Amino acid sequence: KRLHATDVTSSSFRLTWPKLLSQESGYYSLEYAPAADPARKRTQQVSGAHSSLVLSDLAPETTYEVVLIPESNVRYFPPQTARVTTLAEEISPVQVLISESGPHSFHVSWAPVLDSVASYQVLYGPLPGNSVKVLEVDGRHNSTVVEHLAPNTTYLVTVTAIYRSGKEKSLSAKACTQEGERG
C-alpha cells in the first residue's frame, strides 16, 4: 500500500495513499513539481482524515514528482513518493455540427467537451466575404445559437477551443440559412 495516482488526465490526477493518520494524530504535507522543473514546487496541506486528493491545473504531457509527508504528532512516518505523467492535451473540437437551420439563425454544437478547455470562440461570417463575428462560449458548454443572419446564405463557422494552457485548436464547418418567407 503506497502513494499512487489514478484518473490521470491532461491537467489533473487523483492521488491515493494508505491511511496513516487520523484527524487527531496529524496532517499530510503534499509537495509536487514537474520533474524537469523542481523550482516550480507547490505545497498543499491535507487533513489527517483524508487519504486521497485530486491535483488539478497541471501541465499536459508532464512528469510530476509527488512527495507525501505524513506530519504525525504520534510517531514518524517516512515520506512517500510517486512519479505521475499527465496525458497529452486532447485535440478539440473533433466535430462541429450545424442544426436547426432557419432563415436568420442556426444552432452550432461541437464535441468533445474537455476539462482542459477554458472557453470556446465561435467565429462566423458569410461566404464569400470577410465580415466575421465572434461569440464567446463558456468552456462548460458545447453549443450555441447564432442569430441575426441573412437568409439563403452560406456561412463559414469556426469553433476554436481555447485551452487553460493558452493553446488554441480550431475546426470549421459550413452552414446554410434557409430561404426567407416570400411576400
N, C-alpha and C. Protein backbone atom coordinates (compact mmCIF):
# COMPACT_ATOMS: atom_id res chain seq x y z
N LYS A 1 0.85 -1.20 0.00
CA LYS A 1 0.00 0.00 0.00
C LYS A 1 0.88 1.24 0.00
N ARG A 2 0.83 2.00 -1.08
CA ARG A 2 1.58 3.24 -1.04
C ARG A 2 0.94 4.28 -1.93
N LEU A 3 1.54 5.45 -1.93
CA LEU A 3 1.04 6.58 -2.71
C LEU A 3 0.97 6.20 -4.19
N HIS A 4 -0.19 6.39 -4.82
CA HIS A 4 -0.30 6.14 -6.26
C HIS A 4 -1.36 7.04 -6.86
N ALA A 5 -1.31 7.14 -8.19
CA ALA A 5 -2.21 8.05 -8.90
C ALA A 5 -3.20 7.26 -9.74
N THR A 6 -4.43 7.79 -9.83
CA THR A 6 -5.45 7.23 -10.72
C THR A 6 -6.14 8.40 -11.41
N ASP A 7 -7.06 8.09 -12.32
CA ASP A 7 -7.86 9.12 -13.01
C ASP A 7 -6.97 10.19 -13.63
N VAL A 8 -5.91 9.77 -14.30
CA VAL A 8 -4.97 10.73 -14.87
C VAL A 8 -5.56 11.33 -16.15
N THR A 9 -5.55 12.67 -16.26
CA THR A 9 -5.97 13.36 -17.49
C THR A 9 -4.81 14.25 -17.94
N SER A 10 -5.07 15.14 -18.89
CA SER A 10 -4.01 16.03 -19.35
C SER A 10 -3.72 17.13 -18.34
N SER A 11 -4.66 17.37 -17.40
CA SER A 11 -4.47 18.50 -16.48
C SER A 11 -4.70 18.15 -15.02
N SER A 12 -4.92 16.87 -14.72
CA SER A 12 -5.19 16.51 -13.33
C SER A 12 -4.92 15.03 -13.08
N PHE A 13 -4.79 14.68 -11.82
CA PHE A 13 -4.83 13.27 -11.42
C PHE A 13 -5.24 13.17 -9.96
N ARG A 14 -5.72 11.98 -9.59
CA ARG A 14 -6.11 11.73 -8.21
C ARG A 14 -5.01 10.94 -7.52
N LEU A 15 -4.60 11.43 -6.35
CA LEU A 15 -3.62 10.71 -5.53
C LEU A 15 -4.35 9.96 -4.43
N THR A 16 -3.94 8.73 -4.19
CA THR A 16 -4.49 7.94 -3.11
C THR A 16 -3.33 7.38 -2.30
N TRP A 17 -3.48 7.34 -0.97
CA TRP A 17 -2.40 6.84 -0.13
C TRP A 17 -3.00 6.06 1.03
N PRO A 18 -2.17 5.22 1.68
CA PRO A 18 -2.67 4.45 2.82
C PRO A 18 -3.03 5.37 3.97
N LYS A 19 -4.00 4.97 4.74
CA LYS A 19 -4.47 5.80 5.86
C LYS A 19 -3.50 5.64 7.02
N LEU A 20 -2.57 6.59 7.13
CA LEU A 20 -1.55 6.51 8.17
C LEU A 20 -1.95 7.34 9.39
N LEU A 21 -2.66 8.41 9.17
CA LEU A 21 -3.00 9.35 10.23
C LEU A 21 -4.51 9.38 10.44
N SER A 22 -4.92 10.03 11.49
CA SER A 22 -6.34 10.34 11.69
C SER A 22 -6.45 11.85 11.85
N GLN A 23 -7.67 12.33 11.93
CA GLN A 23 -7.93 13.76 12.12
C GLN A 23 -7.12 14.29 13.31
N GLU A 24 -7.00 13.48 14.36
CA GLU A 24 -6.36 13.93 15.60
C GLU A 24 -4.84 13.82 15.56
N SER A 25 -4.32 12.82 14.83
CA SER A 25 -2.90 12.49 15.01
C SER A 25 -1.96 13.26 14.08
N GLY A 26 -2.51 14.13 13.22
CA GLY A 26 -1.61 14.92 12.39
C GLY A 26 -2.23 15.30 11.06
N TYR A 27 -1.37 15.71 10.11
CA TYR A 27 -1.83 16.10 8.78
C TYR A 27 -0.76 15.67 7.78
N TYR A 28 -1.10 15.78 6.49
CA TYR A 28 -0.15 15.45 5.43
C TYR A 28 0.32 16.73 4.75
N SER A 29 1.61 16.78 4.45
CA SER A 29 2.13 17.81 3.56
C SER A 29 2.33 17.17 2.20
N LEU A 30 1.74 17.75 1.19
CA LEU A 30 1.86 17.20 -0.16
C LEU A 30 2.66 18.20 -0.99
N GLU A 31 3.78 17.74 -1.54
CA GLU A 31 4.59 18.60 -2.40
C GLU A 31 4.61 17.99 -3.79
N TYR A 32 4.45 18.83 -4.80
CA TYR A 32 4.53 18.31 -6.17
C TYR A 32 5.12 19.35 -7.09
N ALA A 33 5.88 18.88 -8.07
CA ALA A 33 6.55 19.76 -9.01
C ALA A 33 6.84 18.97 -10.28
N PRO A 34 6.93 19.67 -11.43
CA PRO A 34 7.38 18.99 -12.65
C PRO A 34 8.79 18.46 -12.41
N ALA A 35 9.02 17.21 -12.80
CA ALA A 35 10.33 16.60 -12.58
C ALA A 35 11.44 17.42 -13.24
N ALA A 36 11.12 18.04 -14.38
CA ALA A 36 12.13 18.80 -15.12
C ALA A 36 12.32 20.21 -14.55
N ASP A 37 11.44 20.61 -13.63
CA ASP A 37 11.47 21.98 -13.14
C ASP A 37 11.11 22.02 -11.65
N PRO A 38 11.99 21.44 -10.80
CA PRO A 38 11.67 21.32 -9.37
C PRO A 38 11.41 22.65 -8.68
N ALA A 39 11.91 23.74 -9.26
CA ALA A 39 11.70 25.05 -8.64
C ALA A 39 10.23 25.45 -8.63
N ARG A 40 9.43 24.85 -9.50
CA ARG A 40 8.01 25.20 -9.55
C ARG A 40 7.19 24.34 -8.60
N LYS A 41 7.80 24.00 -7.46
CA LYS A 41 7.13 23.13 -6.49
C LYS A 41 5.93 23.83 -5.87
N ARG A 42 4.86 23.07 -5.70
CA ARG A 42 3.70 23.57 -4.97
C ARG A 42 3.49 22.67 -3.75
N THR A 43 3.00 23.26 -2.69
CA THR A 43 2.78 22.51 -1.45
C THR A 43 1.33 22.66 -1.01
N GLN A 44 0.76 21.58 -0.52
CA GLN A 44 -0.61 21.62 -0.05
C GLN A 44 -0.68 20.85 1.27
N GLN A 45 -1.46 21.36 2.22
CA GLN A 45 -1.68 20.62 3.46
C GLN A 45 -3.02 19.92 3.38
N VAL A 46 -3.02 18.67 3.84
CA VAL A 46 -4.22 17.85 3.76
C VAL A 46 -4.52 17.29 5.15
N SER A 47 -5.77 17.36 5.54
CA SER A 47 -6.17 16.85 6.85
C SER A 47 -5.80 15.38 7.00
N GLY A 48 -5.45 15.00 8.22
CA GLY A 48 -5.10 13.61 8.50
C GLY A 48 -6.25 12.64 8.26
N ALA A 49 -7.47 13.18 8.16
CA ALA A 49 -8.63 12.31 7.92
C ALA A 49 -8.71 11.86 6.46
N HIS A 50 -8.00 12.54 5.57
CA HIS A 50 -8.11 12.25 4.14
C HIS A 50 -7.11 11.17 3.72
N SER A 51 -7.46 10.43 2.69
CA SER A 51 -6.48 9.51 2.10
C SER A 51 -6.49 9.59 0.58
N SER A 52 -7.08 10.68 0.05
CA SER A 52 -6.96 10.91 -1.39
C SER A 52 -7.22 12.38 -1.68
N LEU A 53 -6.75 12.82 -2.85
CA LEU A 53 -6.85 14.23 -3.22
C LEU A 53 -6.67 14.34 -4.73
N VAL A 54 -7.44 15.23 -5.35
CA VAL A 54 -7.25 15.49 -6.78
C VAL A 54 -6.37 16.73 -6.96
N LEU A 55 -5.29 16.58 -7.72
CA LEU A 55 -4.47 17.72 -8.11
C LEU A 55 -4.90 18.16 -9.49
N SER A 56 -5.18 19.46 -9.68
CA SER A 56 -5.62 19.93 -10.99
C SER A 56 -4.78 21.13 -11.42
N ASP A 57 -5.15 21.72 -12.56
CA ASP A 57 -4.38 22.83 -13.15
C ASP A 57 -2.94 22.42 -13.43
N LEU A 58 -2.76 21.19 -13.90
CA LEU A 58 -1.42 20.71 -14.21
C LEU A 58 -1.13 20.89 -15.70
N ALA A 59 0.15 20.83 -16.06
CA ALA A 59 0.53 20.95 -17.46
C ALA A 59 0.40 19.58 -18.14
N PRO A 60 -0.02 19.56 -19.42
CA PRO A 60 -0.13 18.28 -20.13
C PRO A 60 1.23 17.69 -20.45
N GLU A 61 1.27 16.38 -20.65
CA GLU A 61 2.49 15.66 -21.06
C GLU A 61 3.68 16.04 -20.18
N THR A 62 3.42 16.08 -18.87
CA THR A 62 4.47 16.48 -17.93
C THR A 62 4.57 15.44 -16.83
N THR A 63 5.80 15.06 -16.48
CA THR A 63 6.01 14.14 -15.36
C THR A 63 6.15 14.93 -14.08
N TYR A 64 5.32 14.61 -13.10
CA TYR A 64 5.37 15.27 -11.80
C TYR A 64 5.99 14.35 -10.76
N GLU A 65 6.85 14.95 -9.93
CA GLU A 65 7.35 14.27 -8.74
C GLU A 65 6.44 14.67 -7.58
N VAL A 66 5.88 13.69 -6.92
CA VAL A 66 4.97 13.96 -5.81
C VAL A 66 5.56 13.38 -4.54
N VAL A 67 5.57 14.18 -3.47
CA VAL A 67 6.04 13.70 -2.17
C VAL A 67 4.95 13.92 -1.14
N LEU A 68 4.59 12.86 -0.45
CA LEU A 68 3.59 12.94 0.62
C LEU A 68 4.32 12.76 1.95
N ILE A 69 4.24 13.78 2.80
CA ILE A 69 4.94 13.74 4.09
C ILE A 69 3.91 13.68 5.21
N PRO A 70 3.79 12.52 5.86
CA PRO A 70 2.86 12.44 6.99
C PRO A 70 3.44 13.19 8.19
N GLU A 71 2.78 14.27 8.60
CA GLU A 71 3.25 15.07 9.73
C GLU A 71 2.52 14.60 10.97
N SER A 72 3.02 13.52 11.58
CA SER A 72 2.33 12.90 12.71
C SER A 72 2.87 13.44 14.01
N ASN A 73 1.97 13.66 14.96
CA ASN A 73 2.46 14.07 16.28
C ASN A 73 2.58 12.86 17.21
N VAL A 74 2.42 11.67 16.65
CA VAL A 74 2.50 10.45 17.45
C VAL A 74 3.78 9.67 17.15
N ARG A 75 4.03 9.43 15.87
CA ARG A 75 5.24 8.69 15.50
C ARG A 75 5.71 9.13 14.13
N TYR A 76 6.92 8.72 13.77
CA TYR A 76 7.50 9.12 12.49
C TYR A 76 7.04 8.19 11.37
N PHE A 77 6.58 8.77 10.26
CA PHE A 77 6.32 8.01 9.04
C PHE A 77 7.23 8.55 7.95
N PRO A 78 7.90 7.68 7.21
CA PRO A 78 8.75 8.19 6.13
C PRO A 78 7.89 8.79 5.01
N PRO A 79 8.44 9.80 4.32
CA PRO A 79 7.71 10.37 3.17
C PRO A 79 7.49 9.31 2.10
N GLN A 80 6.39 9.46 1.37
CA GLN A 80 6.12 8.57 0.24
C GLN A 80 6.24 9.39 -1.03
N THR A 81 6.80 8.77 -2.06
CA THR A 81 6.98 9.49 -3.31
C THR A 81 6.30 8.74 -4.46
N ALA A 82 5.97 9.50 -5.50
CA ALA A 82 5.41 8.91 -6.71
C ALA A 82 5.78 9.80 -7.88
N ARG A 83 5.88 9.20 -9.05
CA ARG A 83 6.05 9.95 -10.30
C ARG A 83 4.82 9.72 -11.15
N VAL A 84 4.22 10.81 -11.61
CA VAL A 84 2.99 10.71 -12.39
C VAL A 84 3.15 11.56 -13.65
N THR A 85 2.83 10.99 -14.80
CA THR A 85 2.91 11.74 -16.05
C THR A 85 1.50 12.02 -16.57
N THR A 86 1.21 13.30 -16.78
CA THR A 86 -0.10 13.67 -17.31
C THR A 86 -0.19 13.30 -18.80
N LEU A 87 -1.41 13.19 -19.28
CA LEU A 87 -1.63 12.80 -20.67
C LEU A 87 -1.39 13.97 -21.61
N ALA A 88 -1.24 13.67 -22.89
CA ALA A 88 -1.13 14.71 -23.91
C ALA A 88 -2.46 15.46 -23.97
N GLU A 89 -2.35 16.74 -24.33
CA GLU A 89 -3.56 17.55 -24.43
C GLU A 89 -4.41 17.04 -25.59
N GLU A 90 -5.69 16.89 -25.31
CA GLU A 90 -6.59 16.37 -26.33
C GLU A 90 -6.77 17.41 -27.43
N ILE A 91 -6.93 16.93 -28.65
CA ILE A 91 -7.23 17.85 -29.75
C ILE A 91 -8.74 18.03 -29.80
N SER A 92 -9.15 19.25 -29.80
CA SER A 92 -10.58 19.53 -29.73
C SER A 92 -10.84 20.82 -30.48
N PRO A 93 -11.99 21.07 -30.98
CA PRO A 93 -13.07 20.09 -31.12
C PRO A 93 -12.80 19.14 -32.28
N VAL A 94 -13.37 17.94 -32.21
CA VAL A 94 -13.16 16.99 -33.30
C VAL A 94 -14.34 16.97 -34.26
N GLN A 95 -15.46 17.54 -33.85
CA GLN A 95 -16.56 17.67 -34.81
C GLN A 95 -17.39 18.90 -34.49
N VAL A 96 -17.86 19.53 -35.56
CA VAL A 96 -18.75 20.68 -35.43
C VAL A 96 -20.02 20.35 -36.19
N LEU A 97 -21.16 20.46 -35.53
CA LEU A 97 -22.44 20.11 -36.14
C LEU A 97 -23.32 21.35 -36.24
N ILE A 98 -23.95 21.51 -37.39
CA ILE A 98 -24.89 22.60 -37.60
C ILE A 98 -26.28 22.00 -37.65
N SER A 99 -27.22 22.57 -36.89
CA SER A 99 -28.58 22.01 -36.90
C SER A 99 -29.59 23.14 -36.74
N GLU A 100 -30.86 22.78 -36.83
CA GLU A 100 -31.95 23.73 -36.61
C GLU A 100 -31.76 25.02 -37.41
N SER A 101 -31.40 24.84 -38.67
CA SER A 101 -31.13 25.98 -39.52
C SER A 101 -32.43 26.65 -39.96
N GLY A 102 -32.51 27.98 -39.77
CA GLY A 102 -33.66 28.75 -40.22
C GLY A 102 -33.18 29.88 -41.12
N PRO A 103 -34.06 30.80 -41.51
CA PRO A 103 -33.63 31.90 -42.37
C PRO A 103 -32.64 32.84 -41.69
N HIS A 104 -32.75 32.99 -40.36
CA HIS A 104 -31.96 34.02 -39.68
C HIS A 104 -31.10 33.46 -38.54
N SER A 105 -31.09 32.16 -38.38
CA SER A 105 -30.31 31.59 -37.28
C SER A 105 -30.00 30.12 -37.55
N PHE A 106 -28.99 29.62 -36.87
CA PHE A 106 -28.77 28.17 -36.80
C PHE A 106 -28.08 27.84 -35.49
N HIS A 107 -28.10 26.56 -35.18
CA HIS A 107 -27.58 26.05 -33.93
C HIS A 107 -26.23 25.39 -34.23
N VAL A 108 -25.21 25.72 -33.45
CA VAL A 108 -23.89 25.13 -33.63
C VAL A 108 -23.56 24.32 -32.38
N SER A 109 -23.12 23.08 -32.56
CA SER A 109 -22.67 22.30 -31.41
C SER A 109 -21.37 21.60 -31.78
N TRP A 110 -20.62 21.22 -30.75
CA TRP A 110 -19.31 20.61 -31.01
C TRP A 110 -19.00 19.58 -29.93
N ALA A 111 -18.06 18.72 -30.22
CA ALA A 111 -17.66 17.67 -29.29
C ALA A 111 -16.18 17.40 -29.49
N PRO A 112 -15.48 16.87 -28.50
CA PRO A 112 -15.98 16.63 -27.15
C PRO A 112 -15.83 17.88 -26.29
N VAL A 113 -16.42 17.86 -25.08
CA VAL A 113 -16.20 18.91 -24.10
C VAL A 113 -15.11 18.44 -23.16
N LEU A 114 -14.10 19.26 -22.96
CA LEU A 114 -12.93 18.84 -22.19
C LEU A 114 -12.67 19.76 -21.01
N ASP A 115 -12.21 19.17 -19.92
CA ASP A 115 -11.88 19.96 -18.73
C ASP A 115 -10.76 20.95 -19.01
N SER A 116 -9.90 20.60 -19.97
CA SER A 116 -8.72 21.45 -20.20
C SER A 116 -9.04 22.69 -21.03
N VAL A 117 -10.31 22.83 -21.47
CA VAL A 117 -10.70 23.99 -22.27
C VAL A 117 -11.30 25.05 -21.36
N ALA A 118 -10.77 26.28 -21.44
CA ALA A 118 -11.29 27.38 -20.62
C ALA A 118 -12.53 27.99 -21.27
N SER A 119 -12.47 28.18 -22.60
CA SER A 119 -13.61 28.76 -23.30
C SER A 119 -13.53 28.41 -24.79
N TYR A 120 -14.65 28.62 -25.47
CA TYR A 120 -14.70 28.42 -26.91
C TYR A 120 -15.03 29.75 -27.57
N GLN A 121 -14.47 29.95 -28.76
CA GLN A 121 -14.86 31.09 -29.58
C GLN A 121 -15.53 30.54 -30.83
N VAL A 122 -16.70 31.06 -31.14
CA VAL A 122 -17.39 30.69 -32.37
C VAL A 122 -17.32 31.89 -33.31
N LEU A 123 -16.58 31.73 -34.42
CA LEU A 123 -16.48 32.78 -35.42
C LEU A 123 -17.37 32.41 -36.59
N TYR A 124 -18.10 33.39 -37.11
CA TYR A 124 -18.95 33.09 -38.27
C TYR A 124 -19.04 34.31 -39.17
N GLY A 125 -19.14 34.03 -40.46
CA GLY A 125 -19.27 35.10 -41.43
C GLY A 125 -19.75 34.52 -42.75
N PRO A 126 -20.41 35.35 -43.58
CA PRO A 126 -20.94 34.86 -44.86
C PRO A 126 -19.80 34.56 -45.85
N LEU A 127 -20.03 33.56 -46.69
CA LEU A 127 -19.11 33.25 -47.79
C LEU A 127 -19.71 33.73 -49.09
N PRO A 128 -18.99 34.32 -50.04
CA PRO A 128 -17.64 34.83 -49.77
C PRO A 128 -17.75 36.11 -48.98
N GLY A 129 -16.69 36.53 -48.35
CA GLY A 129 -16.75 37.76 -47.56
C GLY A 129 -15.76 37.69 -46.43
N ASN A 130 -15.56 38.80 -45.75
CA ASN A 130 -14.61 38.81 -44.66
C ASN A 130 -15.15 39.51 -43.43
N SER A 131 -16.47 39.65 -43.36
CA SER A 131 -17.05 40.23 -42.15
C SER A 131 -17.33 39.08 -41.18
N VAL A 132 -16.51 38.99 -40.14
CA VAL A 132 -16.61 37.87 -39.21
C VAL A 132 -17.07 38.38 -37.86
N LYS A 133 -18.01 37.67 -37.26
CA LYS A 133 -18.44 38.00 -35.90
C LYS A 133 -17.98 36.88 -34.97
N VAL A 134 -17.84 37.21 -33.69
CA VAL A 134 -17.32 36.25 -32.71
C VAL A 134 -18.30 36.12 -31.55
N LEU A 135 -18.56 34.87 -31.15
CA LEU A 135 -19.32 34.59 -29.93
C LEU A 135 -18.38 33.90 -28.95
N GLU A 136 -18.38 34.34 -27.69
CA GLU A 136 -17.61 33.66 -26.65
C GLU A 136 -18.54 32.69 -25.93
N VAL A 137 -18.07 31.46 -25.74
CA VAL A 137 -18.89 30.45 -25.07
C VAL A 137 -18.07 29.85 -23.93
N ASP A 138 -18.68 29.73 -22.78
CA ASP A 138 -18.01 29.15 -21.62
C ASP A 138 -17.54 27.72 -21.92
N GLY A 139 -16.40 27.35 -21.37
CA GLY A 139 -15.82 26.04 -21.64
C GLY A 139 -16.67 24.86 -21.20
N ARG A 140 -17.66 25.12 -20.33
CA ARG A 140 -18.52 24.01 -19.88
C ARG A 140 -19.61 23.69 -20.90
N HIS A 141 -19.82 24.59 -21.85
CA HIS A 141 -20.93 24.40 -22.80
C HIS A 141 -20.40 23.87 -24.13
N ASN A 142 -21.28 23.19 -24.87
CA ASN A 142 -20.83 22.65 -26.15
C ASN A 142 -21.76 23.02 -27.29
N SER A 143 -22.53 24.10 -27.11
CA SER A 143 -23.38 24.52 -28.22
C SER A 143 -23.77 25.98 -28.03
N THR A 144 -24.20 26.60 -29.12
CA THR A 144 -24.69 27.97 -29.05
C THR A 144 -25.60 28.21 -30.25
N VAL A 145 -26.39 29.26 -30.18
CA VAL A 145 -27.25 29.64 -31.31
C VAL A 145 -26.70 30.91 -31.92
N VAL A 146 -26.52 30.90 -33.24
CA VAL A 146 -26.05 32.07 -33.98
C VAL A 146 -27.29 32.72 -34.61
N GLU A 147 -27.48 34.01 -34.36
CA GLU A 147 -28.71 34.68 -34.78
C GLU A 147 -28.42 35.89 -35.66
N HIS A 148 -29.50 36.56 -36.10
CA HIS A 148 -29.42 37.80 -36.90
C HIS A 148 -28.65 37.56 -38.20
N LEU A 149 -28.95 36.46 -38.87
CA LEU A 149 -28.26 36.11 -40.11
C LEU A 149 -29.10 36.49 -41.32
N ALA A 150 -28.45 36.52 -42.48
CA ALA A 150 -29.17 36.78 -43.73
C ALA A 150 -29.71 35.45 -44.25
N PRO A 151 -30.92 35.46 -44.83
CA PRO A 151 -31.48 34.22 -45.37
C PRO A 151 -30.74 33.76 -46.63
N ASN A 152 -30.85 32.46 -46.90
CA ASN A 152 -30.34 31.86 -48.13
C ASN A 152 -28.86 32.21 -48.34
N THR A 153 -28.07 32.11 -47.28
CA THR A 153 -26.66 32.49 -47.33
C THR A 153 -25.82 31.37 -46.74
N THR A 154 -24.65 31.15 -47.33
CA THR A 154 -23.72 30.17 -46.77
C THR A 154 -22.76 30.87 -45.82
N TYR A 155 -22.64 30.32 -44.63
CA TYR A 155 -21.74 30.88 -43.62
C TYR A 155 -20.60 29.89 -43.33
N LEU A 156 -19.43 30.45 -43.07
CA LEU A 156 -18.34 29.63 -42.57
C LEU A 156 -18.31 29.80 -41.05
N VAL A 157 -18.38 28.69 -40.34
CA VAL A 157 -18.39 28.70 -38.87
C VAL A 157 -17.12 28.04 -38.38
N THR A 158 -16.35 28.73 -37.54
CA THR A 158 -15.13 28.15 -36.98
C THR A 158 -15.24 28.12 -35.47
N VAL A 159 -15.09 26.94 -34.88
CA VAL A 159 -15.10 26.81 -33.43
C VAL A 159 -13.66 26.66 -32.96
N THR A 160 -13.22 27.55 -32.09
CA THR A 160 -11.86 27.50 -31.55
C THR A 160 -11.92 27.17 -30.07
N ALA A 161 -11.24 26.10 -29.69
CA ALA A 161 -11.12 25.75 -28.27
C ALA A 161 -9.90 26.47 -27.71
N ILE A 162 -10.10 27.24 -26.64
CA ILE A 162 -9.00 27.95 -26.00
C ILE A 162 -8.69 27.23 -24.69
N TYR A 163 -7.54 26.55 -24.68
CA TYR A 163 -7.17 25.74 -23.53
C TYR A 163 -6.69 26.61 -22.39
N ARG A 164 -6.79 26.07 -21.17
CA ARG A 164 -6.27 26.76 -19.98
C ARG A 164 -4.78 27.02 -20.13
N SER A 165 -4.12 26.17 -20.89
CA SER A 165 -2.67 26.32 -21.08
C SER A 165 -2.35 27.48 -22.02
N GLY A 166 -3.39 28.02 -22.71
CA GLY A 166 -3.17 29.11 -23.64
C GLY A 166 -3.15 28.67 -25.08
N LYS A 167 -3.06 27.35 -25.31
CA LYS A 167 -3.08 26.86 -26.68
C LYS A 167 -4.47 27.00 -27.27
N GLU A 168 -4.54 27.01 -28.60
CA GLU A 168 -5.83 27.08 -29.28
C GLU A 168 -5.89 26.04 -30.38
N LYS A 169 -7.06 25.43 -30.56
CA LYS A 169 -7.27 24.49 -31.65
C LYS A 169 -8.61 24.84 -32.30
N SER A 170 -8.65 24.80 -33.63
CA SER A 170 -9.86 25.22 -34.34
C SER A 170 -10.37 24.16 -35.30
N LEU A 171 -11.66 24.23 -35.58
CA LEU A 171 -12.27 23.39 -36.60
C LEU A 171 -13.41 24.18 -37.23
N SER A 172 -13.53 24.05 -38.56
CA SER A 172 -14.55 24.83 -39.27
C SER A 172 -15.60 23.94 -39.91
N ALA A 173 -16.77 24.52 -40.13
CA ALA A 173 -17.85 23.85 -40.86
C ALA A 173 -18.62 24.92 -41.63
N LYS A 174 -19.32 24.47 -42.67
CA LYS A 174 -20.16 25.42 -43.41
C LYS A 174 -21.62 25.23 -43.01
N ALA A 175 -22.35 26.35 -43.01
CA ALA A 175 -23.76 26.32 -42.66
C ALA A 175 -24.53 27.17 -43.66
N CYS A 176 -25.70 26.71 -44.05
CA CYS A 176 -26.55 27.49 -44.95
C CYS A 176 -27.84 27.85 -44.23
N THR A 177 -28.21 29.14 -44.33
CA THR A 177 -29.51 29.54 -43.79
C THR A 177 -30.58 29.22 -44.83
N GLN A 178 -31.82 29.07 -44.35
CA GLN A 178 -32.94 28.76 -45.24
C GLN A 178 -33.36 30.02 -46.00
N GLU A 179 -34.12 29.80 -47.06
CA GLU A 179 -34.69 30.95 -47.76
C GLU A 179 -35.72 31.61 -46.86
N GLY A 180 -35.79 32.94 -46.91
CA GLY A 180 -36.77 33.65 -46.10
C GLY A 180 -38.18 33.50 -46.66
N GLU A 181 -39.15 33.85 -45.85
CA GLU A 181 -40.55 33.82 -46.31
C GLU A 181 -40.75 34.88 -47.37
N ARG A 182 -41.38 34.50 -48.48
CA ARG A 182 -41.65 35.49 -49.53
C ARG A 182 -43.02 36.13 -49.31
N GLY A 183 -43.12 37.41 -49.71
CA GLY A 183 -44.40 38.10 -49.61
C GLY A 183 -44.54 38.66 -48.23
